[in-house]
PDB file of all heavy atoms in Angstrom:
ATOM      1  N   PHE A   1       2.829  -0.686 -12.978  1.00  0.00           N
ATOM      2  CA  PHE A   1       3.355  -2.002 -12.587  1.00  0.00           C
ATOM      3  C   PHE A   1       4.387  -1.780 -11.496  1.00  0.00           C
ATOM      4  O   PHE A   1       5.336  -1.031 -11.692  1.00  0.00           O
ATOM      5  CB  PHE A   1       3.992  -2.665 -13.823  1.00  0.00           C
ATOM      6  CG  PHE A   1       4.431  -4.078 -13.618  1.00  0.00           C
ATOM      7  CD1 PHE A   1       3.508  -5.108 -13.554  1.00  0.00           C
ATOM      8  CD2 PHE A   1       5.779  -4.392 -13.521  1.00  0.00           C
ATOM      9  CE1 PHE A   1       3.910  -6.418 -13.378  1.00  0.00           C
ATOM     10  CE2 PHE A   1       6.199  -5.705 -13.355  1.00  0.00           C
ATOM     11  CZ  PHE A   1       5.254  -6.720 -13.281  1.00  0.00           C
ATOM     12  N   LYS A   2       4.176  -2.396 -10.323  1.00  0.00           N
ATOM     13  CA  LYS A   2       5.044  -2.115  -9.175  1.00  0.00           C
ATOM     14  C   LYS A   2       5.388  -3.380  -8.416  1.00  0.00           C
ATOM     15  O   LYS A   2       4.530  -4.200  -8.120  1.00  0.00           O
ATOM     16  CB  LYS A   2       4.359  -1.127  -8.240  1.00  0.00           C
ATOM     17  CG  LYS A   2       5.186  -0.783  -7.009  1.00  0.00           C
ATOM     18  CD  LYS A   2       4.543   0.323  -6.212  1.00  0.00           C
ATOM     19  CE  LYS A   2       5.330   0.668  -4.960  1.00  0.00           C
ATOM     20  NZ  LYS A   2       6.725   0.974  -5.181  1.00  0.00           N
ATOM     21  N   LYS A   3       6.674  -3.500  -8.070  1.00  0.00           N
ATOM     22  CA  LYS A   3       7.127  -4.585  -7.207  1.00  0.00           C
ATOM     23  C   LYS A   3       6.712  -4.277  -5.775  1.00  0.00           C
ATOM     24  O   LYS A   3       6.868  -3.157  -5.296  1.00  0.00           O
ATOM     25  CB  LYS A   3       8.649  -4.729  -7.287  1.00  0.00           C
ATOM     26  CG  LYS A   3       9.219  -5.795  -6.372  1.00  0.00           C
ATOM     27  CD  LYS A   3      10.737  -5.845  -6.483  1.00  0.00           C
ATOM     28  CE  LYS A   3      11.331  -6.836  -5.515  1.00  0.00           C
ATOM     29  NZ  LYS A   3      12.805  -6.887  -5.627  1.00  0.00           N
ATOM     30  N   ILE A   4       6.185  -5.281  -5.099  1.00  0.00           N
ATOM     31  CA  ILE A   4       5.828  -5.151  -3.690  1.00  0.00           C
ATOM     32  C   ILE A   4       6.867  -5.948  -2.907  1.00  0.00           C
ATOM     33  O   ILE A   4       6.929  -7.170  -3.007  1.00  0.00           O
ATOM     34  CB  ILE A   4       4.404  -5.688  -3.405  1.00  0.00           C
ATOM     35  CG1 ILE A   4       3.380  -5.019  -4.337  1.00  0.00           C
ATOM     36  CG2 ILE A   4       4.034  -5.494  -1.945  1.00  0.00           C
ATOM     37  CD1 ILE A   4       3.274  -3.515  -4.199  1.00  0.00           C
ATOM     38  N   SER A   5       7.688  -5.248  -2.150  1.00  0.00           N
ATOM     39  CA  SER A   5       8.801  -5.918  -1.471  1.00  0.00           C
ATOM     40  C   SER A   5       8.343  -6.566  -0.167  1.00  0.00           C
ATOM     41  O   SER A   5       7.359  -6.148   0.444  1.00  0.00           O
ATOM     42  CB  SER A   5       9.935  -4.924  -1.190  1.00  0.00           C
ATOM     43  OG  SER A   5       9.533  -4.009  -0.185  1.00  0.00           O
ATOM     44  N   LYS A   6       9.086  -7.572   0.243  1.00  0.00           N
ATOM     45  CA  LYS A   6       8.799  -8.261   1.510  1.00  0.00           C
ATOM     46  C   LYS A   6       9.118  -7.340   2.687  1.00  0.00           C
ATOM     47  O   LYS A   6       8.404  -7.329   3.681  1.00  0.00           O
ATOM     48  CB  LYS A   6       9.638  -9.545   1.616  1.00  0.00           C
ATOM     49  CG  LYS A   6       9.333 -10.568   0.543  1.00  0.00           C
ATOM     50  CD  LYS A   6      10.280 -11.758   0.653  1.00  0.00           C
ATOM     51  CE  LYS A   6      10.048 -12.765  -0.456  1.00  0.00           C
ATOM     52  NZ  LYS A   6      10.641 -12.374  -1.722  1.00  0.00           N
ATOM     53  N   ILE A   7      10.185  -6.568   2.572  1.00  0.00           N
ATOM     54  CA  ILE A   7      10.653  -5.723   3.672  1.00  0.00           C
ATOM     55  C   ILE A   7       9.732  -4.522   3.892  1.00  0.00           C
ATOM     56  O   ILE A   7       9.435  -4.154   5.020  1.00  0.00           O
ATOM     57  CB  ILE A   7      12.103  -5.249   3.410  1.00  0.00           C
ATOM     58  CG1 ILE A   7      13.044  -6.460   3.348  1.00  0.00           C
ATOM     59  CG2 ILE A   7      12.564  -4.263   4.465  1.00  0.00           C
ATOM     60  CD1 ILE A   7      14.414  -6.152   2.806  1.00  0.00           C
ATOM     61  N   ASN A   8       9.261  -3.917   2.801  1.00  0.00           N
ATOM     62  CA  ASN A   8       8.441  -2.704   2.905  1.00  0.00           C
ATOM     63  C   ASN A   8       7.036  -2.956   2.365  1.00  0.00           C
ATOM     64  O   ASN A   8       6.491  -2.160   1.616  1.00  0.00           O
ATOM     65  CB  ASN A   8       9.112  -1.554   2.156  1.00  0.00           C
ATOM     66  CG  ASN A   8       8.450  -0.228   2.443  1.00  0.00           C
ATOM     67  OD1 ASN A   8       7.920   0.014   3.524  1.00  0.00           O
ATOM     68  ND2 ASN A   8       8.457   0.652   1.448  1.00  0.00           N
ATOM     69  N   LEU A   9       6.447  -4.086   2.741  1.00  0.00           N
ATOM     70  CA  LEU A   9       5.142  -4.499   2.207  1.00  0.00           C
ATOM     71  C   LEU A   9       4.079  -3.422   2.404  1.00  0.00           C
ATOM     72  O   LEU A   9       3.432  -2.989   1.447  1.00  0.00           O
ATOM     73  CB  LEU A   9       4.713  -5.815   2.875  1.00  0.00           C
ATOM     74  CG  LEU A   9       3.297  -6.304   2.607  1.00  0.00           C
ATOM     75  CD1 LEU A   9       3.086  -6.565   1.126  1.00  0.00           C
ATOM     76  CD2 LEU A   9       3.007  -7.566   3.409  1.00  0.00           C
ATOM     77  N   ARG A  10       3.905  -2.975   3.625  1.00  0.00           N
ATOM     78  CA  ARG A  10       2.848  -2.003   3.928  1.00  0.00           C
ATOM     79  C   ARG A  10       3.088  -0.678   3.193  1.00  0.00           C
ATOM     80  O   ARG A  10       2.161  -0.100   2.620  1.00  0.00           O
ATOM     81  CB  ARG A  10       2.790  -1.767   5.438  1.00  0.00           C
ATOM     82  CG  ARG A  10       1.546  -1.046   5.906  1.00  0.00           C
ATOM     83  CD  ARG A  10       1.577  -0.884   7.422  1.00  0.00           C
ATOM     84  NE  ARG A  10       1.494  -2.153   8.098  1.00  0.00           N
ATOM     85  CZ  ARG A  10       0.365  -2.670   8.578  1.00  0.00           C
ATOM     86  NH1 ARG A  10      -0.762  -2.014   8.429  1.00  0.00           N
ATOM     87  NH2 ARG A  10       0.372  -3.827   9.189  1.00  0.00           N
ATOM     88  N   GLY A  11       4.332  -0.202   3.174  1.00  0.00           N
ATOM     89  CA  GLY A  11       4.654   1.049   2.483  1.00  0.00           C
ATOM     90  C   GLY A  11       4.430   0.957   0.987  1.00  0.00           C
ATOM     91  O   GLY A  11       3.889   1.877   0.359  1.00  0.00           O
ATOM     92  N   ASP A  12       4.836  -0.163   0.394  1.00  0.00           N
ATOM     93  CA  ASP A  12       4.644  -0.352  -1.056  1.00  0.00           C
ATOM     94  C   ASP A  12       3.159  -0.419  -1.411  1.00  0.00           C
ATOM     95  O   ASP A  12       2.722   0.135  -2.424  1.00  0.00           O
ATOM     96  CB  ASP A  12       5.356  -1.622  -1.534  1.00  0.00           C
ATOM     97  CG  ASP A  12       6.864  -1.444  -1.627  1.00  0.00           C
ATOM     98  OD1 ASP A  12       7.336  -0.296  -1.591  1.00  0.00           O
ATOM     99  OD2 ASP A  12       7.569  -2.464  -1.734  1.00  0.00           O
ATOM    100  N   LEU A  13       2.376  -1.124  -0.579  1.00  0.00           N
ATOM    101  CA  LEU A  13       0.925  -1.199  -0.820  1.00  0.00           C
ATOM    102  C   LEU A  13       0.278   0.176  -0.677  1.00  0.00           C
ATOM    103  O   LEU A  13      -0.570   0.566  -1.486  1.00  0.00           O
ATOM    104  CB  LEU A  13       0.268  -2.183   0.153  1.00  0.00           C
ATOM    105  CG  LEU A  13       0.472  -3.671  -0.128  1.00  0.00           C
ATOM    106  CD1 LEU A  13      -0.113  -4.514   0.995  1.00  0.00           C
ATOM    107  CD2 LEU A  13      -0.139  -4.072  -1.463  1.00  0.00           C
ATOM    108  N   TRP A  14       0.697   0.917   0.357  1.00  0.00           N
ATOM    109  CA  TRP A  14       0.155   2.261   0.576  1.00  0.00           C
ATOM    110  C   TRP A  14       0.422   3.146  -0.647  1.00  0.00           C
ATOM    111  O   TRP A  14      -0.468   3.853  -1.123  1.00  0.00           O
ATOM    112  CB  TRP A  14       0.777   2.874   1.833  1.00  0.00           C
ATOM    113  CG  TRP A  14       0.190   4.197   2.198  1.00  0.00           C
ATOM    114  CD1 TRP A  14      -0.918   4.418   2.951  1.00  0.00           C
ATOM    115  CD2 TRP A  14       0.680   5.476   1.802  1.00  0.00           C
ATOM    116  NE1 TRP A  14      -1.153   5.773   3.055  1.00  0.00           N
ATOM    117  CE2 TRP A  14      -0.189   6.449   2.359  1.00  0.00           C
ATOM    118  CE3 TRP A  14       1.766   5.907   1.032  1.00  0.00           C
ATOM    119  CZ2 TRP A  14      -0.008   7.812   2.164  1.00  0.00           C
ATOM    120  CZ3 TRP A  14       1.948   7.265   0.841  1.00  0.00           C
ATOM    121  CH2 TRP A  14       1.074   8.202   1.406  1.00  0.00           C
ATOM    122  N   ASN A  15       1.656   3.108  -1.174  1.00  0.00           N
ATOM    123  CA  ASN A  15       2.002   3.904  -2.358  1.00  0.00           C
ATOM    124  C   ASN A  15       1.228   3.459  -3.588  1.00  0.00           C
ATOM    125  O   ASN A  15       0.823   4.279  -4.411  1.00  0.00           O
ATOM    126  CB  ASN A  15       3.508   3.827  -2.636  1.00  0.00           C
ATOM    127  CG  ASN A  15       4.307   4.714  -1.703  1.00  0.00           C
ATOM    128  OD1 ASN A  15       3.866   5.798  -1.357  1.00  0.00           O
ATOM    129  ND2 ASN A  15       5.465   4.241  -1.270  1.00  0.00           N
ATOM    130  N   PHE A  16       1.035   2.148  -3.727  1.00  0.00           N
ATOM    131  CA  PHE A  16       0.324   1.627  -4.905  1.00  0.00           C
ATOM    132  C   PHE A  16      -1.143   2.068  -4.898  1.00  0.00           C
ATOM    133  O   PHE A  16      -1.691   2.420  -5.934  1.00  0.00           O
ATOM    134  CB  PHE A  16       0.423   0.099  -4.943  1.00  0.00           C
ATOM    135  CG  PHE A  16      -0.195  -0.514  -6.170  1.00  0.00           C
ATOM    136  CD1 PHE A  16       0.492  -0.544  -7.376  1.00  0.00           C
ATOM    137  CD2 PHE A  16      -1.471  -1.053  -6.124  1.00  0.00           C
ATOM    138  CE1 PHE A  16      -0.077  -1.104  -8.515  1.00  0.00           C
ATOM    139  CE2 PHE A  16      -2.054  -1.610  -7.262  1.00  0.00           C
ATOM    140  CZ  PHE A  16      -1.351  -1.639  -8.457  1.00  0.00           C
ATOM    141  N   PHE A  17      -1.773   2.028  -3.719  1.00  0.00           N
ATOM    142  CA  PHE A  17      -3.199   2.365  -3.616  1.00  0.00           C
ATOM    143  C   PHE A  17      -3.436   3.823  -3.207  1.00  0.00           C
ATOM    144  O   PHE A  17      -4.563   4.196  -2.874  1.00  0.00           O
ATOM    145  CB  PHE A  17      -3.883   1.424  -2.613  1.00  0.00           C
ATOM    146  CG  PHE A  17      -4.091   0.033  -3.140  1.00  0.00           C
ATOM    147  CD1 PHE A  17      -3.257  -1.002  -2.739  1.00  0.00           C
ATOM    148  CD2 PHE A  17      -5.111  -0.249  -4.038  1.00  0.00           C
ATOM    149  CE1 PHE A  17      -3.451  -2.288  -3.219  1.00  0.00           C
ATOM    150  CE2 PHE A  17      -5.308  -1.521  -4.519  1.00  0.00           C
ATOM    151  CZ  PHE A  17      -4.470  -2.550  -4.116  1.00  0.00           C
ATOM    152  N   LYS A  18      -2.405   4.644  -3.250  1.00  0.00           N
ATOM    153  CA  LYS A  18      -2.521   6.062  -2.883  1.00  0.00           C
ATOM    154  C   LYS A  18      -3.640   6.701  -3.706  1.00  0.00           C
ATOM    155  O   LYS A  18      -3.711   6.523  -4.921  1.00  0.00           O
ATOM    156  CB  LYS A  18      -1.187   6.761  -3.175  1.00  0.00           C
ATOM    157  CG  LYS A  18      -0.967   8.022  -2.408  1.00  0.00           C
ATOM    158  CD  LYS A  18       0.456   8.503  -2.641  1.00  0.00           C
ATOM    159  CE  LYS A  18       0.743   9.721  -1.816  1.00  0.00           C
ATOM    160  NZ  LYS A  18       2.126  10.156  -1.976  1.00  0.00           N
ATOM    161  N   GLY A  19      -4.513   7.431  -3.027  1.00  0.00           N
ATOM    162  CA  GLY A  19      -5.656   8.039  -3.712  1.00  0.00           C
ATOM    163  C   GLY A  19      -6.939   7.269  -3.465  1.00  0.00           C
ATOM    164  O   GLY A  19      -8.036   7.800  -3.624  1.00  0.00           O
ATOM    165  N   ASP A  20      -6.823   5.998  -3.088  1.00  0.00           N
ATOM    166  CA  ASP A  20      -7.980   5.176  -2.725  1.00  0.00           C
ATOM    167  C   ASP A  20      -8.039   5.145  -1.193  1.00  0.00           C
ATOM    168  O   ASP A  20      -7.470   4.266  -0.547  1.00  0.00           O
ATOM    169  CB  ASP A  20      -7.804   3.756  -3.310  1.00  0.00           C
ATOM    170  CG  ASP A  20      -9.005   2.860  -3.056  1.00  0.00           C
ATOM    171  OD1 ASP A  20      -9.785   3.124  -2.113  1.00  0.00           O
ATOM    172  OD2 ASP A  20      -9.153   1.864  -3.780  1.00  0.00           O
ATOM    173  N   ASP A  21      -8.729   6.167  -0.623  1.00  0.00           N
ATOM    174  CA  ASP A  21      -8.720   6.356   0.835  1.00  0.00           C
ATOM    175  C   ASP A  21      -9.179   5.122   1.605  1.00  0.00           C
ATOM    176  O   ASP A  21      -8.604   4.783   2.639  1.00  0.00           O
ATOM    177  CB  ASP A  21      -9.591   7.559   1.218  1.00  0.00           C
ATOM    178  CG  ASP A  21      -9.027   8.868   0.683  1.00  0.00           C
ATOM    179  OD1 ASP A  21      -7.813   8.899   0.377  1.00  0.00           O
ATOM    180  OD2 ASP A  21      -9.782   9.847   0.553  1.00  0.00           O
ATOM    181  N   GLU A  22     -10.197   4.461   1.097  1.00  0.00           N
ATOM    182  CA  GLU A  22     -10.733   3.275   1.780  1.00  0.00           C
ATOM    183  C   GLU A  22      -9.688   2.157   1.852  1.00  0.00           C
ATOM    184  O   GLU A  22      -9.495   1.533   2.898  1.00  0.00           O
ATOM    185  CB  GLU A  22     -11.978   2.773   1.035  1.00  0.00           C
ATOM    186  CG  GLU A  22     -12.666   1.603   1.708  1.00  0.00           C
ATOM    187  CD  GLU A  22     -13.829   1.069   0.870  1.00  0.00           C
ATOM    188  OE1 GLU A  22     -14.476   1.861   0.153  1.00  0.00           O
ATOM    189  OE2 GLU A  22     -14.075  -0.142   0.941  1.00  0.00           O
ATOM    190  N   GLN A  23      -8.992   1.948   0.740  1.00  0.00           N
ATOM    191  CA  GLN A  23      -7.993   0.880   0.701  1.00  0.00           C
ATOM    192  C   GLN A  23      -6.760   1.238   1.537  1.00  0.00           C
ATOM    193  O   GLN A  23      -6.203   0.377   2.224  1.00  0.00           O
ATOM    194  CB  GLN A  23      -7.578   0.591  -0.756  1.00  0.00           C
ATOM    195  CG  GLN A  23      -6.870  -0.716  -0.962  1.00  0.00           C
ATOM    196  CD  GLN A  23      -7.737  -1.930  -0.653  1.00  0.00           C
ATOM    197  OE1 GLN A  23      -8.950  -1.845  -0.528  1.00  0.00           O
ATOM    198  NE2 GLN A  23      -7.103  -3.079  -0.513  1.00  0.00           N
ATOM    199  N   VAL A  24      -6.347   2.486   1.501  1.00  0.00           N
ATOM    200  CA  VAL A  24      -5.206   2.938   2.308  1.00  0.00           C
ATOM    201  C   VAL A  24      -5.508   2.756   3.791  1.00  0.00           C
ATOM    202  O   VAL A  24      -4.665   2.299   4.563  1.00  0.00           O
ATOM    203  CB  VAL A  24      -4.856   4.415   1.991  1.00  0.00           C
ATOM    204  CG1 VAL A  24      -3.880   4.973   3.017  1.00  0.00           C
ATOM    205  CG2 VAL A  24      -4.261   4.516   0.592  1.00  0.00           C
ATOM    206  N   LYS A  25      -6.747   3.083   4.178  1.00  0.00           N
ATOM    207  CA  LYS A  25      -7.169   2.906   5.573  1.00  0.00           C
ATOM    208  C   LYS A  25      -7.107   1.431   5.964  1.00  0.00           C
ATOM    209  O   LYS A  25      -6.651   1.073   7.053  1.00  0.00           O
ATOM    210  CB  LYS A  25      -8.590   3.445   5.744  1.00  0.00           C
ATOM    211  CG  LYS A  25      -9.070   3.470   7.169  1.00  0.00           C
ATOM    212  CD  LYS A  25     -10.473   4.069   7.248  1.00  0.00           C
ATOM    213  CE  LYS A  25     -10.984   4.002   8.683  1.00  0.00           C
ATOM    214  NZ  LYS A  25     -12.371   4.520   8.794  1.00  0.00           N
ATOM    215  N   LYS A  26      -7.541   0.565   5.066  1.00  0.00           N
ATOM    216  CA  LYS A  26      -7.517  -0.881   5.323  1.00  0.00           C
ATOM    217  C   LYS A  26      -6.077  -1.378   5.474  1.00  0.00           C
ATOM    218  O   LYS A  26      -5.776  -2.204   6.338  1.00  0.00           O
ATOM    219  CB  LYS A  26      -8.221  -1.618   4.183  1.00  0.00           C
ATOM    220  CG  LYS A  26      -8.395  -3.103   4.431  1.00  0.00           C
ATOM    221  CD  LYS A  26      -9.197  -3.752   3.319  1.00  0.00           C
ATOM    222  CE  LYS A  26      -9.360  -5.238   3.580  1.00  0.00           C
ATOM    223  NZ  LYS A  26     -10.105  -5.897   2.492  1.00  0.00           N
ATOM    224  N   ILE A  27      -5.191  -0.872   4.620  1.00  0.00           N
ATOM    225  CA  ILE A  27      -3.773  -1.274   4.674  1.00  0.00           C
ATOM    226  C   ILE A  27      -3.159  -0.853   6.014  1.00  0.00           C
ATOM    227  O   ILE A  27      -2.423  -1.616   6.631  1.00  0.00           O
ATOM    228  CB  ILE A  27      -2.984  -0.654   3.490  1.00  0.00           C
ATOM    229  CG1 ILE A  27      -3.419  -1.297   2.178  1.00  0.00           C
ATOM    230  CG2 ILE A  27      -1.472  -0.818   3.682  1.00  0.00           C
ATOM    231  CD1 ILE A  27      -3.045  -0.520   0.940  1.00  0.00           C
ATOM    232  N   LYS A  28      -3.496   0.352   6.459  1.00  0.00           N
ATOM    233  CA  LYS A  28      -2.948   0.856   7.720  1.00  0.00           C
ATOM    234  C   LYS A  28      -3.465   0.078   8.934  1.00  0.00           C
ATOM    235  O   LYS A  28      -2.756  -0.102   9.913  1.00  0.00           O
ATOM    236  CB  LYS A  28      -3.275   2.344   7.882  1.00  0.00           C
ATOM    237  CG  LYS A  28      -2.455   3.240   6.983  1.00  0.00           C
ATOM    238  CD  LYS A  28      -2.815   4.699   7.222  1.00  0.00           C
ATOM    239  CE  LYS A  28      -1.953   5.616   6.379  1.00  0.00           C
ATOM    240  NZ  LYS A  28      -2.294   7.038   6.554  1.00  0.00           N
ATOM    241  N   SER A  29      -4.711  -0.385   8.847  1.00  0.00           N
ATOM    242  CA  SER A  29      -5.329  -1.028  10.009  1.00  0.00           C
ATOM    243  C   SER A  29      -5.233  -2.551  10.007  1.00  0.00           C
ATOM    244  O   SER A  29      -5.567  -3.197  10.991  1.00  0.00           O
ATOM    245  CB  SER A  29      -6.809  -0.625  10.095  1.00  0.00           C
ATOM    246  OG  SER A  29      -7.506  -1.104   8.954  1.00  0.00           O
TER     247      SER A  29
END
């Protein structure tokens, strides 16, 4: 269970989905 902050949205999402390469790629792009 993780809070996704407004300030660090992309970083928090990247950490949450770490290990799911496809989703991390989508978050970055």
